[in-house]
Amino acid sequence: MTSSASRYANEPTNAVVPPAPSTIDLHTHTLRSDGVLEPGELVRQAFDAGVRLLAITDHDNLAGYREMRSGGALPAGLELLPGVEINAVVDWRNELWEGELHILGFGMDADDDAFEATLARQRGERRRRFDRILVRLREIGIPVDAEVAQVAAGDDDALGRPTVARALIRAGHADSVEDAFQRWLAYGMPAWVPRNGLGPVAAIGAIRAAGGVPVLAHFREAPDRMATVRELVEHGLGGLEVYYRSFDQATVEAVGAVANAFGLVRTGGTDYHGDLGPYAESHAGLWVPPEVGVELKSAIQGT
């Protein structure tokens, strides 16, 4: 089972070499969940790096998209898609990474009240888990409550373990986010707390009901878990994240073959959080072919 930290820090061993700066990034995070940048700053950095089709996919939260839509002064030539990422809970007997599948959603109606109510419940579960992690850290003698107050953007944000990891760094208990996960926060570590919330079928259904296209994120296991992908497709899964920044070339090809087998839309992105440097550094290793944007927007229009 892949560690949580590897989703943030590992570099591919046989990295994809972008033939040109990618104009598409469909997987990013801001301070409205567990990233480090304000939405406007992320948009600015992405545009400066050459991105022209961007999705902010904060966990359980469309606030960043709404802010930019309502008054964020998007750069001329940048298209911003409504996006979200839902960490869906699966049966542990499936032996999937940390008992989760991550479902991205694109193109939802950001004003859909039912979808927002679903996301609010998810954020509530995230907050309860976040608070239980802080309790666990106190119990093992490394409280970081004061440091959390310095790195968290606010009580209503979709806080996650990277926020705790940054607090552990500030308190001197870790050298990096990856180190914090490996020592304290990943599955089996002293401050691990299981997640509660939607399952993947419910997450897919909620995204579909709001007019969006649900996409399975960074599932490098797809070639070996075809039955899992097939089941999700039967429940409405519309896409697969093929061009993930930390996928090497062989993984891109293998996951892409799964997408082709099931007729799924391909997406891709940096999964940028900000702990490893400015956006441009992550973007430099990303390649999402231009046709991906055309196909995704077509799928959204067809929902």
C-alpha atoms as a PDB file:
ATOM      1  CA  MET A   1       0.000   0.000   0.000  1.00  0.00           C
ATOM      2  CA  THR A   2       1.427   3.353  -1.024  1.00  0.00           C
ATOM      3  CA  SER A   3       2.122   5.787   1.820  1.00  0.00           C
ATOM      4  CA  SER A   4       0.207   9.037   2.128  1.00  0.00           C
ATOM      5  CA  ALA A   5       3.363  11.093   1.908  1.00  0.00           C
ATOM      6  CA  SER A   6       4.268   9.686  -1.487  1.00  0.00           C
ATOM      7  CA  ARG A   7       1.232  11.436  -2.920  1.00  0.00           C
ATOM      8  CA  TYR A   8       2.896  14.741  -2.048  1.00  0.00           C
ATOM      9  CA  ALA A   9       6.612  14.245  -2.425  1.00  0.00           C
ATOM     10  CA  ASN A  10       7.844  11.312  -4.524  1.00  0.00           C
ATOM     11  CA  GLU A  11       9.423  12.030  -7.893  1.00  0.00           C
ATOM     12  CA  PRO A  12       8.908   9.532 -10.730  1.00  0.00           C
ATOM     13  CA  THR A  13      11.925   7.335 -11.403  1.00  0.00           C
ATOM     14  CA  ASN A  14      11.402   7.504 -15.179  1.00  0.00           C
ATOM     15  CA  ALA A  15       9.869  10.958 -15.336  1.00  0.00           C
ATOM     16  CA  VAL A  16       7.698  12.132 -18.183  1.00  0.00           C
ATOM     17  CA  VAL A  17       9.541  14.817 -20.157  1.00  0.00           C
ATOM     18  CA  PRO A  18       7.015  17.469 -21.200  1.00  0.00           C
ATOM     19  CA  PRO A  19       7.381  18.368 -24.876  1.00  0.00           C
ATOM     20  CA  ALA A  20       6.174  21.894 -24.023  1.00  0.00           C
ATOM     21  CA  PRO A  21       4.824  23.739 -20.979  1.00  0.00           C
ATOM     22  CA  SER A  22       1.474  22.180 -20.126  1.00  0.00           C
ATOM     23  CA  THR A  23      -1.458  24.527 -20.697  1.00  0.00           C
ATOM     24  CA  ILE A  24      -3.742  22.351 -18.536  1.00  0.00           C
ATOM     25  CA  ASP A  25      -3.748  21.557 -14.818  1.00  0.00           C
ATOM     26  CA  LEU A  26      -6.875  19.869 -13.480  1.00  0.00           C
ATOM     27  CA  HIS A  27      -5.743  19.015  -9.943  1.00  0.00           C
ATOM     28  CA  THR A  28      -4.690  21.767  -7.516  1.00  0.00           C
ATOM     29  CA  HIS A  29      -5.301  22.792  -3.911  1.00  0.00           C
ATOM     30  CA  THR A  30      -5.465  26.103  -2.065  1.00  0.00           C
ATOM     31  CA  LEU A  31      -5.831  27.348   1.492  1.00  0.00           C
ATOM     32  CA  ARG A  32      -9.530  26.536   1.215  1.00  0.00           C
ATOM     33  CA  SER A  33      -8.495  22.963   1.938  1.00  0.00           C
ATOM     34  CA  ASP A  34      -4.949  21.725   2.526  1.00  0.00           C
ATOM     35  CA  GLY A  35      -2.881  23.836   0.131  1.00  0.00           C
ATOM     36  CA  VAL A  36      -0.704  26.791   1.079  1.00  0.00           C
ATOM     37  CA  LEU A  37      -1.775  29.490  -1.408  1.00  0.00           C
ATOM     38  CA  GLU A  38      -4.803  31.739  -1.543  1.00  0.00           C
ATOM     39  CA  PRO A  39      -6.930  30.923  -4.626  1.00  0.00           C
ATOM     40  CA  GLY A  40      -5.954  34.154  -6.345  1.00  0.00           C
ATOM     41  CA  GLU A  41      -2.250  33.500  -5.835  1.00  0.00           C
ATOM     42  CA  LEU A  42      -2.536  29.952  -7.164  1.00  0.00           C
ATOM     43  CA  VAL A  43      -4.349  31.245 -10.246  1.00  0.00           C
ATOM     44  CA  ARG A  44      -1.673  33.891 -10.792  1.00  0.00           C
ATOM     45  CA  GLN A  45       1.198  31.427 -10.480  1.00  0.00           C
ATOM     46  CA  ALA A  46      -0.495  28.877 -12.740  1.00  0.00           C
ATOM     47  CA  PHE A  47      -1.183  31.493 -15.412  1.00  0.00           C
ATOM     48  CA  ASP A  48       2.391  32.736 -15.248  1.00  0.00           C
ATOM     49  CA  ALA A  49       3.581  29.155 -15.760  1.00  0.00           C
ATOM     50  CA  GLY A  50       1.522  28.852 -18.945  1.00  0.00           C
ATOM     51  CA  VAL A  51      -1.691  27.204 -17.735  1.00  0.00           C
ATOM     52  CA  ARG A  52      -4.812  28.269 -19.616  1.00  0.00           C
ATOM     53  CA  LEU A  53      -7.277  25.651 -18.350  1.00  0.00           C
ATOM     54  CA  LEU A  54      -7.195  25.270 -14.566  1.00  0.00           C
ATOM     55  CA  ALA A  55      -9.294  23.492 -11.972  1.00  0.00           C
ATOM     56  CA  ILE A  56      -9.070  24.218  -8.261  1.00  0.00           C
ATOM     57  CA  THR A  57      -9.947  20.860  -6.707  1.00  0.00           C
ATOM     58  CA  ASP A  58      -9.958  21.587  -3.003  1.00  0.00           C
ATOM     59  CA  HIS A  59     -11.108  18.794  -0.747  1.00  0.00           C
ATOM     60  CA  ASP A  60     -14.869  18.943  -0.191  1.00  0.00           C
ATOM     61  CA  ASN A  61     -14.915  22.641  -0.995  1.00  0.00           C
ATOM     62  CA  LEU A  62     -15.881  24.886  -3.922  1.00  0.00           C
ATOM     63  CA  ALA A  63     -15.141  28.105  -2.026  1.00  0.00           C
ATOM     64  CA  GLY A  64     -11.950  28.871  -3.948  1.00  0.00           C
ATOM     65  CA  TYR A  65     -13.705  28.522  -7.290  1.00  0.00           C
ATOM     66  CA  ARG A  66     -16.586  30.712  -6.122  1.00  0.00           C
ATOM     67  CA  GLU A  67     -14.191  33.409  -4.908  1.00  0.00           C
ATOM     68  CA  MET A  68     -12.437  33.580  -8.236  1.00  0.00           C
ATOM     69  CA  ARG A  69     -15.706  33.479 -10.175  1.00  0.00           C
ATOM     70  CA  SER A  70     -17.330  36.265  -8.192  1.00  0.00           C
ATOM     71  CA  GLY A  71     -14.503  38.757  -7.980  1.00  0.00           C
ATOM     72  CA  GLY A  72     -11.145  37.141  -8.330  1.00  0.00           C
ATOM     73  CA  ALA A  73     -10.205  38.960 -11.542  1.00  0.00           C
ATOM     74  CA  LEU A  74      -9.167  35.946 -13.600  1.00  0.00           C
ATOM     75  CA  PRO A  75      -6.345  36.687 -16.040  1.00  0.00           C
ATOM     76  CA  ALA A  76      -7.529  37.180 -19.588  1.00  0.00           C
ATOM     77  CA  GLY A  77      -7.172  33.891 -21.420  1.00  0.00           C
ATOM     78  CA  LEU A  78      -7.446  31.637 -18.344  1.00  0.00           C
ATOM     79  CA  GLU A  79     -10.466  29.342 -18.066  1.00  0.00           C
ATOM     80  CA  LEU A  80     -11.278  28.119 -14.558  1.00  0.00           C
ATOM     81  CA  LEU A  81     -13.372  24.961 -14.190  1.00  0.00           C
ATOM     82  CA  PRO A  82     -15.352  24.208 -11.037  1.00  0.00           C
ATOM     83  CA  GLY A  83     -13.625  21.282  -9.371  1.00  0.00           C
ATOM     84  CA  VAL A  84     -13.546  19.317  -6.148  1.00  0.00           C
ATOM     85  CA  GLU A  85     -11.805  16.293  -4.640  1.00  0.00           C
ATOM     86  CA  ILE A  86     -13.655  13.898  -2.350  1.00  0.00           C
ATOM     87  CA  ASN A  87     -11.644  11.402  -0.324  1.00  0.00           C
ATOM     88  CA  ALA A  88     -14.094   8.502  -0.416  1.00  0.00           C
ATOM     89  CA  VAL A  89     -13.957   5.756   2.206  1.00  0.00           C
ATOM     90  CA  VAL A  90     -13.843   2.142   1.052  1.00  0.00           C
ATOM     91  CA  ASP A  91     -14.034  -1.217   2.802  1.00  0.00           C
ATOM     92  CA  TRP A  92     -10.635  -1.981   4.308  1.00  0.00           C
ATOM     93  CA  ARG A  93     -10.868  -5.517   2.932  1.00  0.00           C
ATOM     94  CA  ASN A  94     -10.225  -4.021  -0.507  1.00  0.00           C
ATOM     95  CA  GLU A  95      -6.655  -3.283   0.626  1.00  0.00           C
ATOM     96  CA  LEU A  96      -6.648   0.079  -1.105  1.00  0.00           C
ATOM     97  CA  TRP A  97      -4.357   2.945  -0.146  1.00  0.00           C
ATOM     98  CA  GLU A  98      -5.375   4.016   3.387  1.00  0.00           C
ATOM     99  CA  GLY A  99      -8.854   2.634   2.768  1.00  0.00           C
ATOM    100  CA  GLU A 100      -9.675   5.459   0.346  1.00  0.00           C
ATOM    101  CA  LEU A 101     -10.391   6.251  -3.274  1.00  0.00           C
ATOM    102  CA  HIS A 102     -10.114   9.888  -4.305  1.00  0.00           C
ATOM    103  CA  ILE A 103     -12.875  11.106  -6.591  1.00  0.00           C
ATOM    104  CA  LEU A 104     -12.401  14.343  -8.514  1.00  0.00           C
ATOM    105  CA  GLY A 105     -15.421  16.204  -9.836  1.00  0.00           C
ATOM    106  CA  PHE A 106     -15.438  18.702 -12.711  1.00  0.00           C
ATOM    107  CA  GLY A 107     -18.107  21.025 -14.026  1.00  0.00           C
ATOM    108  CA  MET A 108     -20.600  20.833 -11.172  1.00  0.00           C
ATOM    109  CA  ASP A 109     -23.099  23.631 -10.636  1.00  0.00           C
ATOM    110  CA  ALA A 110     -21.285  25.577  -7.919  1.00  0.00           C
ATOM    111  CA  ASP A 111     -24.640  26.932  -6.712  1.00  0.00           C
ATOM    112  CA  ASP A 112     -26.311  23.540  -6.323  1.00  0.00           C
ATOM    113  CA  ASP A 113     -27.663  23.571  -2.759  1.00  0.00           C
ATOM    114  CA  ALA A 114     -27.856  19.797  -2.407  1.00  0.00           C
ATOM    115  CA  PHE A 115     -24.254  19.356  -3.508  1.00  0.00           C
ATOM    116  CA  GLU A 116     -23.063  22.094  -1.170  1.00  0.00           C
ATOM    117  CA  ALA A 117     -24.922  20.392   1.703  1.00  0.00           C
ATOM    118  CA  THR A 118     -23.123  17.148   0.850  1.00  0.00           C
ATOM    119  CA  LEU A 119     -19.764  18.923   0.813  1.00  0.00           C
ATOM    120  CA  ALA A 120     -20.560  20.650   4.117  1.00  0.00           C
ATOM    121  CA  ARG A 121     -21.164  17.260   5.738  1.00  0.00           C
ATOM    122  CA  GLN A 122     -17.879  16.044   4.304  1.00  0.00           C
ATOM    123  CA  ARG A 123     -16.079  19.086   5.699  1.00  0.00           C
ATOM    124  CA  GLY A 124     -17.632  18.387   9.065  1.00  0.00           C
ATOM    125  CA  GLU A 125     -16.220  14.866   9.009  1.00  0.00           C
ATOM    126  CA  ARG A 126     -12.839  16.225   7.943  1.00  0.00           C
ATOM    127  CA  ARG A 127     -12.852  18.671  10.843  1.00  0.00           C
ATOM    128  CA  ARG A 128     -13.737  15.954  13.339  1.00  0.00           C
ATOM    129  CA  ARG A 129     -10.886  13.809  12.052  1.00  0.00           C
ATOM    130  CA  PHE A 130      -8.536  16.795  12.146  1.00  0.00           C
ATOM    131  CA  ASP A 131      -9.446  17.477  15.778  1.00  0.00           C
ATOM    132  CA  ARG A 132      -9.001  13.791  16.710  1.00  0.00           C
ATOM    133  CA  ILE A 133      -5.502  13.883  15.209  1.00  0.00           C
ATOM    134  CA  LEU A 134      -4.654  16.891  17.391  1.00  0.00           C
ATOM    135  CA  VAL A 135      -5.962  15.005  20.433  1.00  0.00           C
ATOM    136  CA  ARG A 136      -3.843  11.994  19.498  1.00  0.00           C
ATOM    137  CA  LEU A 137      -0.752  14.184  19.204  1.00  0.00           C
ATOM    138  CA  ARG A 138      -1.416  15.662  22.642  1.00  0.00           C
ATOM    139  CA  GLU A 139      -1.791  12.164  24.050  1.00  0.00           C
ATOM    140  CA  ILE A 140       1.624  11.138  22.747  1.00  0.00           C
ATOM    141  CA  GLY A 141       3.262  14.273  24.096  1.00  0.00           C
ATOM    142  CA  ILE A 142       3.699  16.450  21.011  1.00  0.00           C
ATOM    143  CA  PRO A 143       0.901  19.034  21.034  1.00  0.00           C
ATOM    144  CA  VAL A 144       0.873  21.340  18.009  1.00  0.00           C
ATOM    145  CA  ASP A 145      -2.296  23.375  18.621  1.00  0.00           C
ATOM    146  CA  ALA A 146      -0.441  26.693  18.690  1.00  0.00           C
ATOM    147  CA  GLU A 147       1.382  25.864  15.466  1.00  0.00           C
ATOM    148  CA  VAL A 148      -1.861  24.799  13.757  1.00  0.00           C
ATOM    149  CA  ALA A 149      -3.273  28.251  14.449  1.00  0.00           C
ATOM    150  CA  GLN A 150      -0.340  29.689  12.490  1.00  0.00           C
ATOM    151  CA  VAL A 151      -0.715  27.480   9.395  1.00  0.00           C
ATOM    152  CA  ALA A 152      -4.496  27.010   9.108  1.00  0.00           C
ATOM    153  CA  ALA A 153      -6.527  29.564   7.172  1.00  0.00           C
ATOM    154  CA  GLY A 154      -9.691  29.349   9.264  1.00  0.00           C
ATOM    155  CA  ASP A 155     -12.160  27.168  11.103  1.00  0.00           C
ATOM    156  CA  ASP A 156     -14.438  26.672   8.091  1.00  0.00           C
ATOM    157  CA  ASP A 157     -11.793  25.382   5.689  1.00  0.00           C
ATOM    158  CA  ALA A 158     -11.502  21.730   4.723  1.00  0.00           C
ATOM    159  CA  LEU A 159      -8.471  21.094   6.886  1.00  0.00           C
ATOM    160  CA  GLY A 160      -6.404  17.968   6.330  1.00  0.00           C
ATOM    161  CA  ARG A 161      -3.297  16.120   7.420  1.00  0.00           C
ATOM    162  CA  PRO A 162      -0.914  18.308   5.386  1.00  0.00           C
ATOM    163  CA  THR A 163      -1.984  21.179   7.649  1.00  0.00           C
ATOM    164  CA  VAL A 164      -1.037  19.103  10.699  1.00  0.00           C
ATOM    165  CA  ALA A 165       2.211  18.144   8.982  1.00  0.00           C
ATOM    166  CA  ARG A 166       3.127  21.812   8.554  1.00  0.00           C
ATOM    167  CA  ALA A 167       2.391  22.384  12.231  1.00  0.00           C
ATOM    168  CA  LEU A 168       4.669  19.473  13.151  1.00  0.00           C
ATOM    169  CA  ILE A 169       7.427  21.059  11.064  1.00  0.00           C
ATOM    170  CA  ARG A 170       6.975  24.405  12.853  1.00  0.00           C
ATOM    171  CA  ALA A 171       7.126  22.610  16.205  1.00  0.00           C
ATOM    172  CA  GLY A 172      10.365  20.852  15.268  1.00  0.00           C
ATOM    173  CA  HIS A 173       8.903  17.343  15.110  1.00  0.00           C
ATOM    174  CA  ALA A 174       9.422  16.824  11.370  1.00  0.00           C
ATOM    175  CA  ASP A 175      11.676  18.090   8.599  1.00  0.00           C
ATOM    176  CA  SER A 176       9.113  18.027   5.779  1.00  0.00           C
ATOM    177  CA  VAL A 177       5.521  17.081   5.058  1.00  0.00           C
ATOM    178  CA  GLU A 178       6.728  13.697   3.812  1.00  0.00           C
ATOM    179  CA  ASP A 179       8.708  13.213   7.024  1.00  0.00           C
ATOM    180  CA  ALA A 180       5.682  14.172   9.146  1.00  0.00           C
ATOM    181  CA  PHE A 181       3.561  11.570   7.396  1.00  0.00           C
ATOM    182  CA  GLN A 182       6.208   8.867   7.715  1.00  0.00           C
ATOM    183  CA  ARG A 183       6.774   9.551  11.419  1.00  0.00           C
ATOM    184  CA  TRP A 184       3.313  10.466  12.676  1.00  0.00           C
ATOM    185  CA  LEU A 185       0.362  10.778  10.299  1.00  0.00           C
ATOM    186  CA  ALA A 186       0.288   7.945   7.752  1.00  0.00           C
ATOM    187  CA  TYR A 187      -1.565   4.675   8.244  1.00  0.00           C
ATOM    188  CA  GLY A 188      -0.046   2.725  11.132  1.00  0.00           C
ATOM    189  CA  MET A 189       1.787   5.735  12.566  1.00  0.00           C
ATOM    190  CA  PRO A 190       1.165   7.083  16.125  1.00  0.00           C
ATOM    191  CA  ALA A 191      -1.235   9.896  15.131  1.00  0.00           C
ATOM    192  CA  TRP A 192      -3.153   8.027  12.447  1.00  0.00           C
ATOM    193  CA  VAL A 193      -6.938   8.445  12.656  1.00  0.00           C
ATOM    194  CA  PRO A 194      -9.295   6.727  10.163  1.00  0.00           C
ATOM    195  CA  ARG A 195     -11.561   8.795   7.939  1.00  0.00           C
ATOM    196  CA  ASN A 196     -15.380   8.862   7.923  1.00  0.00           C
ATOM    197  CA  GLY A 197     -17.602  10.136   5.141  1.00  0.00           C
ATOM    198  CA  LEU A 198     -18.959   9.283   1.710  1.00  0.00           C
ATOM    199  CA  GLY A 199     -18.061   6.108  -0.110  1.00  0.00           C
ATOM    200  CA  PRO A 200     -16.972   6.273  -3.760  1.00  0.00           C
ATOM    201  CA  VAL A 201     -20.364   5.332  -5.198  1.00  0.00           C
ATOM    202  CA  ALA A 202     -22.080   8.055  -3.169  1.00  0.00           C
ATOM    203  CA  ALA A 203     -19.393  10.576  -4.156  1.00  0.00           C
ATOM    204  CA  ILE A 204     -19.840   9.724  -7.831  1.00  0.00           C
ATOM    205  CA  GLY A 205     -23.600  10.048  -7.481  1.00  0.00           C
ATOM    206  CA  ALA A 206     -23.364  13.439  -5.775  1.00  0.00           C
ATOM    207  CA  ILE A 207     -21.070  14.812  -8.484  1.00  0.00           C
ATOM    208  CA  ARG A 208     -23.325  13.497 -11.240  1.00  0.00           C
ATOM    209  CA  ALA A 209     -26.441  14.934  -9.571  1.00  0.00           C
ATOM    210  CA  ALA A 210     -24.771  18.374  -9.547  1.00  0.00           C
ATOM    211  CA  GLY A 211     -24.050  18.173 -13.278  1.00  0.00           C
ATOM    212  CA  GLY A 212     -20.406  17.177 -12.975  1.00  0.00           C
ATOM    213  CA  VAL A 213     -18.091  14.502 -14.350  1.00  0.00           C
ATOM    214  CA  PRO A 214     -16.586  12.204 -11.671  1.00  0.00           C
ATOM    215  CA  VAL A 215     -12.970  11.136 -12.211  1.00  0.00           C
ATOM    216  CA  LEU A 216     -10.879   8.632 -10.253  1.00  0.00           C
ATOM    217  CA  ALA A 217      -7.708  10.400  -9.101  1.00  0.00           C
ATOM    218  CA  HIS A 218      -4.080   9.187  -9.066  1.00  0.00           C
ATOM    219  CA  PHE A 219      -5.087   5.505  -9.095  1.00  0.00           C
ATOM    220  CA  ARG A 220      -1.827   3.969 -10.228  1.00  0.00           C
ATOM    221  CA  GLU A 221      -3.260   0.612  -9.142  1.00  0.00           C
ATOM    222  CA  ALA A 222      -5.862   0.757 -11.941  1.00  0.00           C
ATOM    223  CA  PRO A 223      -4.188  -1.823 -14.221  1.00  0.00           C
ATOM    224  CA  ASP A 224      -4.202  -4.325 -11.348  1.00  0.00           C
ATOM    225  CA  ARG A 225      -7.654  -3.367 -10.061  1.00  0.00           C
ATOM    226  CA  MET A 226      -9.761  -3.545 -13.184  1.00  0.00           C
ATOM    227  CA  ALA A 227     -12.721  -4.975 -11.266  1.00  0.00           C
ATOM    228  CA  THR A 228     -12.693  -1.914  -8.993  1.00  0.00           C
ATOM    229  CA  VAL A 229     -12.646   0.445 -11.970  1.00  0.00           C
ATOM    230  CA  ARG A 230     -15.394  -1.522 -13.708  1.00  0.00           C
ATOM    231  CA  GLU A 231     -17.634  -1.332 -10.644  1.00  0.00           C
ATOM    232  CA  LEU A 232     -17.157   2.439 -10.415  1.00  0.00           C
ATOM    233  CA  VAL A 233     -17.879   2.831 -14.143  1.00  0.00           C
ATOM    234  CA  GLU A 234     -21.125   0.928 -13.628  1.00  0.00           C
ATOM    235  CA  HIS A 235     -22.051   3.524 -10.984  1.00  0.00           C
ATOM    236  CA  GLY A 236     -21.285   6.527 -13.186  1.00  0.00           C
ATOM    237  CA  LEU A 237     -17.502   7.103 -13.113  1.00  0.00           C
ATOM    238  CA  GLY A 238     -16.656   9.221 -16.140  1.00  0.00           C
ATOM    239  CA  GLY A 239     -12.899   9.639 -16.115  1.00  0.00           C
ATOM    240  CA  LEU A 240      -9.497   8.546 -14.919  1.00  0.00           C
ATOM    241  CA  GLU A 241      -6.567  10.766 -13.969  1.00  0.00           C
ATOM    242  CA  VAL A 242      -3.891   9.549 -16.362  1.00  0.00           C
ATOM    243  CA  TYR A 243      -1.385  12.434 -16.496  1.00  0.00           C
ATOM    244  CA  TYR A 244      -0.599  12.736 -12.800  1.00  0.00           C
ATOM    245  CA  ARG A 245       2.609  14.596 -12.137  1.00  0.00           C
ATOM    246  CA  SER A 246       4.306  11.835 -10.122  1.00  0.00           C
ATOM    247  CA  PHE A 247       3.427   9.081 -12.606  1.00  0.00           C
ATOM    248  CA  ASP A 248       6.366   7.846 -14.639  1.00  0.00           C
ATOM    249  CA  GLN A 249       5.964   7.175 -18.349  1.00  0.00           C
ATOM    250  CA  ALA A 250       5.154   3.490 -17.892  1.00  0.00           C
ATOM    251  CA  THR A 251       2.431   4.297 -15.382  1.00  0.00           C
ATOM    252  CA  VAL A 252       0.905   6.941 -17.664  1.00  0.00           C
ATOM    253  CA  GLU A 253       0.731   4.383 -20.456  1.00  0.00           C
ATOM    254  CA  ALA A 254      -0.698   1.633 -18.232  1.00  0.00           C
ATOM    255  CA  VAL A 255      -3.343   3.841 -16.603  1.00  0.00           C
ATOM    256  CA  GLY A 256      -4.141   5.340 -20.003  1.00  0.00           C
ATOM    257  CA  ALA A 257      -4.803   1.857 -21.363  1.00  0.00           C
ATOM    258  CA  VAL A 258      -7.356   1.328 -18.572  1.00  0.00           C
ATOM    259  CA  ALA A 259      -9.055   4.596 -19.475  1.00  0.00           C
ATOM    260  CA  ASN A 260      -9.244   3.457 -23.100  1.00  0.00           C
ATOM    261  CA  ALA A 261     -10.614   0.041 -22.123  1.00  0.00           C
ATOM    262  CA  PHE A 262     -13.533   1.604 -20.259  1.00  0.00           C
ATOM    263  CA  GLY A 263     -14.074   4.615 -22.510  1.00  0.00           C
ATOM    264  CA  LEU A 264     -13.154   7.040 -19.732  1.00  0.00           C
ATOM    265  CA  VAL A 265     -12.159  10.674 -20.175  1.00  0.00           C
ATOM    266  CA  ARG A 266      -8.494  11.264 -19.335  1.00  0.00           C
ATOM    267  CA  THR A 267      -7.519  14.085 -17.004  1.00  0.00           C
ATOM    268  CA  GLY A 268      -4.276  15.193 -15.410  1.00  0.00           C
ATOM    269  CA  GLY A 269      -2.693  17.622 -13.010  1.00  0.00           C
ATOM    270  CA  THR A 270       0.014  18.500 -10.545  1.00  0.00           C
ATOM    271  CA  ASP A 271      -1.968  17.848  -7.337  1.00  0.00           C
ATOM    272  CA  TYR A 272      -0.208  21.010  -6.227  1.00  0.00           C
ATOM    273  CA  HIS A 273      -0.324  21.749  -2.506  1.00  0.00           C
ATOM    274  CA  GLY A 274       2.702  24.018  -2.206  1.00  0.00           C
ATOM    275  CA  ASP A 275       4.948  22.287   0.285  1.00  0.00           C
ATOM    276  CA  LEU A 276       7.695  21.530  -2.221  1.00  0.00           C
ATOM    277  CA  GLY A 277       8.125  25.007  -3.655  1.00  0.00           C
ATOM    278  CA  PRO A 278       6.417  27.482  -5.984  1.00  0.00           C
ATOM    279  CA  TYR A 279       3.852  26.283  -8.470  1.00  0.00           C
ATOM    280  CA  ALA A 280       6.241  26.675 -11.403  1.00  0.00           C
ATOM    281  CA  GLU A 281       8.472  23.904 -10.056  1.00  0.00           C
ATOM    282  CA  SER A 282       5.622  21.385  -9.988  1.00  0.00           C
ATOM    283  CA  HIS A 283       4.286  22.574 -13.319  1.00  0.00           C
ATOM    284  CA  ALA A 284       7.675  22.037 -14.967  1.00  0.00           C
ATOM    285  CA  GLY A 285       7.226  18.262 -14.609  1.00  0.00           C
ATOM    286  CA  LEU A 286       3.620  18.148 -15.813  1.00  0.00           C
ATOM    287  CA  TRP A 287       2.385  17.161 -19.242  1.00  0.00           C
ATOM    288  CA  VAL A 288      -1.345  17.088 -20.007  1.00  0.00           C
ATOM    289  CA  PRO A 289      -2.037  16.890 -23.751  1.00  0.00           C
ATOM    290  CA  PRO A 290      -4.186  19.750 -25.100  1.00  0.00           C
ATOM    291  CA  GLU A 291      -6.925  17.379 -26.274  1.00  0.00           C
ATOM    292  CA  VAL A 292      -7.645  16.472 -22.644  1.00  0.00           C
ATOM    293  CA  GLY A 293      -9.305  19.834 -22.079  1.00  0.00           C
ATOM    294  CA  VAL A 294     -11.474  19.475 -25.176  1.00  0.00           C
ATOM    295  CA  GLU A 295     -12.601  15.985 -24.181  1.00  0.00           C
ATOM    296  CA  LEU A 296     -13.338  16.926 -20.574  1.00  0.00           C
ATOM    297  CA  LYS A 297     -15.367  19.997 -21.521  1.00  0.00           C
ATOM    298  CA  SER A 298     -17.297  17.908 -24.027  1.00  0.00           C
ATOM    299  CA  ALA A 299     -18.052  15.360 -21.307  1.00  0.00           C
ATOM    300  CA  ILE A 300     -19.231  18.120 -18.973  1.00  0.00           C
ATOM    301  CA  GLN A 301     -21.540  19.516 -21.636  1.00  0.00           C
ATOM    302  CA  GLY A 302     -22.950  16.033 -22.190  1.00  0.00           C
ATOM    303  CA  THR A 303     -23.944  15.457 -18.557  1.00  0.00           C
END
